[in-house]
Amino acid sequence: VLLVESGGGLVQAGGSLRLSCAASGVTFRFRATGWYRQAPGKPRELVAGLSSGGTANYADSVKGRFTISRDNAENTVSLQMNSLKPEDTAVYYCNIIITGNNYWGQGTQVTVSS
């Protein structure tokens, strides 16, 4: 299983970014997936999750600003991030759960300047 994130970068507060996670060796369809983030000195936290049935859930801090989606044809999971805030600065990781085991991408840095 290989997960590769892309789309991170530097953006001003109020801006938008779209993260994408491509998978090889596994399909996202019918599996629980999610985006997590980890800021310096803080634990990794769930930002947005997508159940195997397609139900999305979000951390309170990103509700109304972030949207998680899955493209079955492209076998990707994306995170659209709007109205970004400096506190969204972190390394963002893609995650998939397969038979109870967690698999992670290498992460992509998102930096939001004030």
C-alpha atoms as a PDB file:
ATOM      1  CA  VAL A   1       0.000   0.000   0.000  1.00  0.00           C
ATOM      2  CA  LEU A   2       1.382   3.370  -1.012  1.00  0.00           C
ATOM      3  CA  LEU A   3      -0.315   6.696  -0.343  1.00  0.00           C
ATOM      4  CA  VAL A   4       1.070   9.876  -1.863  1.00  0.00           C
ATOM      5  CA  GLU A   5      -0.208  13.308  -0.891  1.00  0.00           C
ATOM      6  CA  SER A   6       0.129  16.427  -2.997  1.00  0.00           C
ATOM      7  CA  GLY A   7      -1.186  19.968  -3.125  1.00  0.00           C
ATOM      8  CA  GLY A   8       0.311  21.501  -0.030  1.00  0.00           C
ATOM      9  CA  GLY A   9       2.038  24.855  -0.028  1.00  0.00           C
ATOM     10  CA  LEU A  10       2.119  28.377   1.305  1.00  0.00           C
ATOM     11  CA  VAL A  11      -1.047  30.441   1.221  1.00  0.00           C
ATOM     12  CA  GLN A  12      -2.275  33.634   2.837  1.00  0.00           C
ATOM     13  CA  ALA A  13      -5.016  33.582   5.422  1.00  0.00           C
ATOM     14  CA  GLY A  14      -8.399  33.414   3.751  1.00  0.00           C
ATOM     15  CA  GLY A  15      -7.021  31.501   0.800  1.00  0.00           C
ATOM     16  CA  SER A  16      -7.690  27.981  -0.424  1.00  0.00           C
ATOM     17  CA  LEU A  17      -5.767  24.815  -1.135  1.00  0.00           C
ATOM     18  CA  ARG A  18      -6.781  21.432  -2.438  1.00  0.00           C
ATOM     19  CA  LEU A  19      -4.917  18.381  -1.183  1.00  0.00           C
ATOM     20  CA  SER A  20      -5.014  15.115  -3.060  1.00  0.00           C
ATOM     21  CA  CYS A  21      -4.061  11.594  -2.025  1.00  0.00           C
ATOM     22  CA  ALA A  22      -3.340   8.961  -4.627  1.00  0.00           C
ATOM     23  CA  ALA A  23      -3.189   5.296  -3.726  1.00  0.00           C
ATOM     24  CA  SER A  24      -1.502   2.294  -5.220  1.00  0.00           C
ATOM     25  CA  GLY A  25      -1.957  -1.245  -4.056  1.00  0.00           C
ATOM     26  CA  VAL A  26      -5.388  -0.471  -2.638  1.00  0.00           C
ATOM     27  CA  THR A  27      -8.628   1.170  -3.666  1.00  0.00           C
ATOM     28  CA  PHE A  28     -10.277   3.868  -1.584  1.00  0.00           C
ATOM     29  CA  ARG A  29     -13.740   2.778  -2.537  1.00  0.00           C
ATOM     30  CA  PHE A  30     -15.607   1.035   0.261  1.00  0.00           C
ATOM     31  CA  ARG A  31     -12.833   1.768   2.765  1.00  0.00           C
ATOM     32  CA  ALA A  32     -12.618   4.254   5.611  1.00  0.00           C
ATOM     33  CA  THR A  33     -10.213   7.041   4.767  1.00  0.00           C
ATOM     34  CA  GLY A  34      -9.279  10.366   6.252  1.00  0.00           C
ATOM     35  CA  TRP A  35      -7.069  13.386   6.438  1.00  0.00           C
ATOM     36  CA  TYR A  36      -5.084  14.115   9.576  1.00  0.00           C
ATOM     37  CA  ARG A  37      -2.727  16.915  10.453  1.00  0.00           C
ATOM     38  CA  GLN A  38       0.092  17.469  12.863  1.00  0.00           C
ATOM     39  CA  ALA A  39       1.408  20.852  13.886  1.00  0.00           C
ATOM     40  CA  PRO A  40       4.804  21.235  15.607  1.00  0.00           C
ATOM     41  CA  GLY A  41       4.646  20.132  19.215  1.00  0.00           C
ATOM     42  CA  LYS A  42       1.096  18.852  18.894  1.00  0.00           C
ATOM     43  CA  PRO A  43      -0.372  15.384  18.455  1.00  0.00           C
ATOM     44  CA  ARG A  44      -1.725  14.224  15.126  1.00  0.00           C
ATOM     45  CA  GLU A  45      -5.429  14.984  14.844  1.00  0.00           C
ATOM     46  CA  LEU A  46      -8.254  13.947  12.568  1.00  0.00           C
ATOM     47  CA  VAL A  47      -9.325  16.744  10.241  1.00  0.00           C
ATOM     48  CA  ALA A  48     -11.856  14.958   8.059  1.00  0.00           C
ATOM     49  CA  GLY A  49     -12.955  11.354   7.672  1.00  0.00           C
ATOM     50  CA  LEU A  50     -14.923   9.489   5.062  1.00  0.00           C
ATOM     51  CA  SER A  51     -16.568   6.228   6.059  1.00  0.00           C
ATOM     52  CA  SER A  52     -16.660   3.199   3.795  1.00  0.00           C
ATOM     53  CA  GLY A  53     -20.252   4.128   3.044  1.00  0.00           C
ATOM     54  CA  GLY A  54     -19.323   7.658   2.062  1.00  0.00           C
ATOM     55  CA  THR A  55     -20.379   9.553   5.178  1.00  0.00           C
ATOM     56  CA  ALA A  56     -18.112  12.473   5.992  1.00  0.00           C
ATOM     57  CA  ASN A  57     -17.222  13.828   9.402  1.00  0.00           C
ATOM     58  CA  TYR A  58     -15.133  16.829  10.326  1.00  0.00           C
ATOM     59  CA  ALA A  59     -13.261  18.284  13.240  1.00  0.00           C
ATOM     60  CA  ASP A  60     -15.190  21.183  14.732  1.00  0.00           C
ATOM     61  CA  SER A  61     -12.340  23.527  13.859  1.00  0.00           C
ATOM     62  CA  VAL A  62     -12.757  22.935  10.110  1.00  0.00           C
ATOM     63  CA  LYS A  63     -16.504  22.424   9.734  1.00  0.00           C
ATOM     64  CA  GLY A  64     -17.904  24.612   7.002  1.00  0.00           C
ATOM     65  CA  ARG A  65     -14.443  25.314   5.575  1.00  0.00           C
ATOM     66  CA  PHE A  66     -13.049  21.917   4.564  1.00  0.00           C
ATOM     67  CA  THR A  67     -14.618  19.254   2.351  1.00  0.00           C
ATOM     68  CA  ILE A  68     -13.404  15.691   1.934  1.00  0.00           C
ATOM     69  CA  SER A  69     -14.267  13.791  -1.224  1.00  0.00           C
ATOM     70  CA  ARG A  70     -13.402  10.595  -3.022  1.00  0.00           C
ATOM     71  CA  ASP A  71     -12.990   9.999  -6.737  1.00  0.00           C
ATOM     72  CA  ASN A  72     -13.475   6.305  -7.385  1.00  0.00           C
ATOM     73  CA  ALA A  73     -12.467   6.515 -11.031  1.00  0.00           C
ATOM     74  CA  GLU A  74      -9.160   8.200 -10.215  1.00  0.00           C
ATOM     75  CA  ASN A  75      -8.730   6.316  -6.910  1.00  0.00           C
ATOM     76  CA  THR A  76      -7.987   9.513  -5.034  1.00  0.00           C
ATOM     77  CA  VAL A  77      -9.217  11.214  -1.905  1.00  0.00           C
ATOM     78  CA  SER A  78      -9.134  14.995  -1.766  1.00  0.00           C
ATOM     79  CA  LEU A  79      -9.452  17.689   0.849  1.00  0.00           C
ATOM     80  CA  GLN A  80     -10.691  21.075  -0.300  1.00  0.00           C
ATOM     81  CA  MET A  81      -9.642  23.689   2.218  1.00  0.00           C
ATOM     82  CA  ASN A  82     -11.208  27.141   2.068  1.00  0.00           C
ATOM     83  CA  SER A  83     -10.962  30.183   4.317  1.00  0.00           C
ATOM     84  CA  LEU A  84      -7.646  28.962   5.643  1.00  0.00           C
ATOM     85  CA  LYS A  85      -6.368  30.277   8.944  1.00  0.00           C
ATOM     86  CA  PRO A  86      -2.844  30.429  10.361  1.00  0.00           C
ATOM     87  CA  GLU A  87      -3.846  27.759  12.875  1.00  0.00           C
ATOM     88  CA  ASP A  88      -4.411  25.361   9.973  1.00  0.00           C
ATOM     89  CA  THR A  89      -0.650  25.294   9.452  1.00  0.00           C
ATOM     90  CA  ALA A  90       0.532  21.699   9.781  1.00  0.00           C
ATOM     91  CA  VAL A  91       1.712  18.647   7.922  1.00  0.00           C
ATOM     92  CA  TYR A  92      -1.337  16.937   6.461  1.00  0.00           C
ATOM     93  CA  TYR A  93      -1.466  13.160   6.135  1.00  0.00           C
ATOM     94  CA  CYS A  94      -3.703  10.859   4.175  1.00  0.00           C
ATOM     95  CA  ASN A  95      -4.895   7.737   5.968  1.00  0.00           C
ATOM     96  CA  ILE A  96      -6.658   4.529   5.035  1.00  0.00           C
ATOM     97  CA  ILE A  97      -7.761   1.680   7.274  1.00  0.00           C
ATOM     98  CA  ILE A  98      -7.434  -1.851   5.940  1.00  0.00           C
ATOM     99  CA  THR A  99      -8.548  -4.752   8.138  1.00  0.00           C
ATOM    100  CA  GLY A 100      -7.912  -2.692  11.234  1.00  0.00           C
ATOM    101  CA  ASN A 101      -4.463  -1.487  10.183  1.00  0.00           C
ATOM    102  CA  ASN A 102      -3.673   2.162   9.534  1.00  0.00           C
ATOM    103  CA  TYR A 103      -1.648   3.201   6.505  1.00  0.00           C
ATOM    104  CA  TRP A 104      -0.223   6.702   6.087  1.00  0.00           C
ATOM    105  CA  GLY A 105       1.212   8.840   3.358  1.00  0.00           C
ATOM    106  CA  GLN A 106       4.428  10.806   3.795  1.00  0.00           C
ATOM    107  CA  GLY A 107       2.561  14.051   4.446  1.00  0.00           C
ATOM    108  CA  THR A 108       2.352  17.409   2.736  1.00  0.00           C
ATOM    109  CA  GLN A 109       3.124  20.733   4.386  1.00  0.00           C
ATOM    110  CA  VAL A 110       0.454  23.414   4.539  1.00  0.00           C
ATOM    111  CA  THR A 111       1.535  26.831   5.751  1.00  0.00           C
ATOM    112  CA  VAL A 112      -0.949  29.666   6.179  1.00  0.00           C
ATOM    113  CA  SER A 113       0.506  33.123   6.661  1.00  0.00           C
ATOM    114  CA  SER A 114      -1.332  35.861   8.511  1.00  0.00           C
END
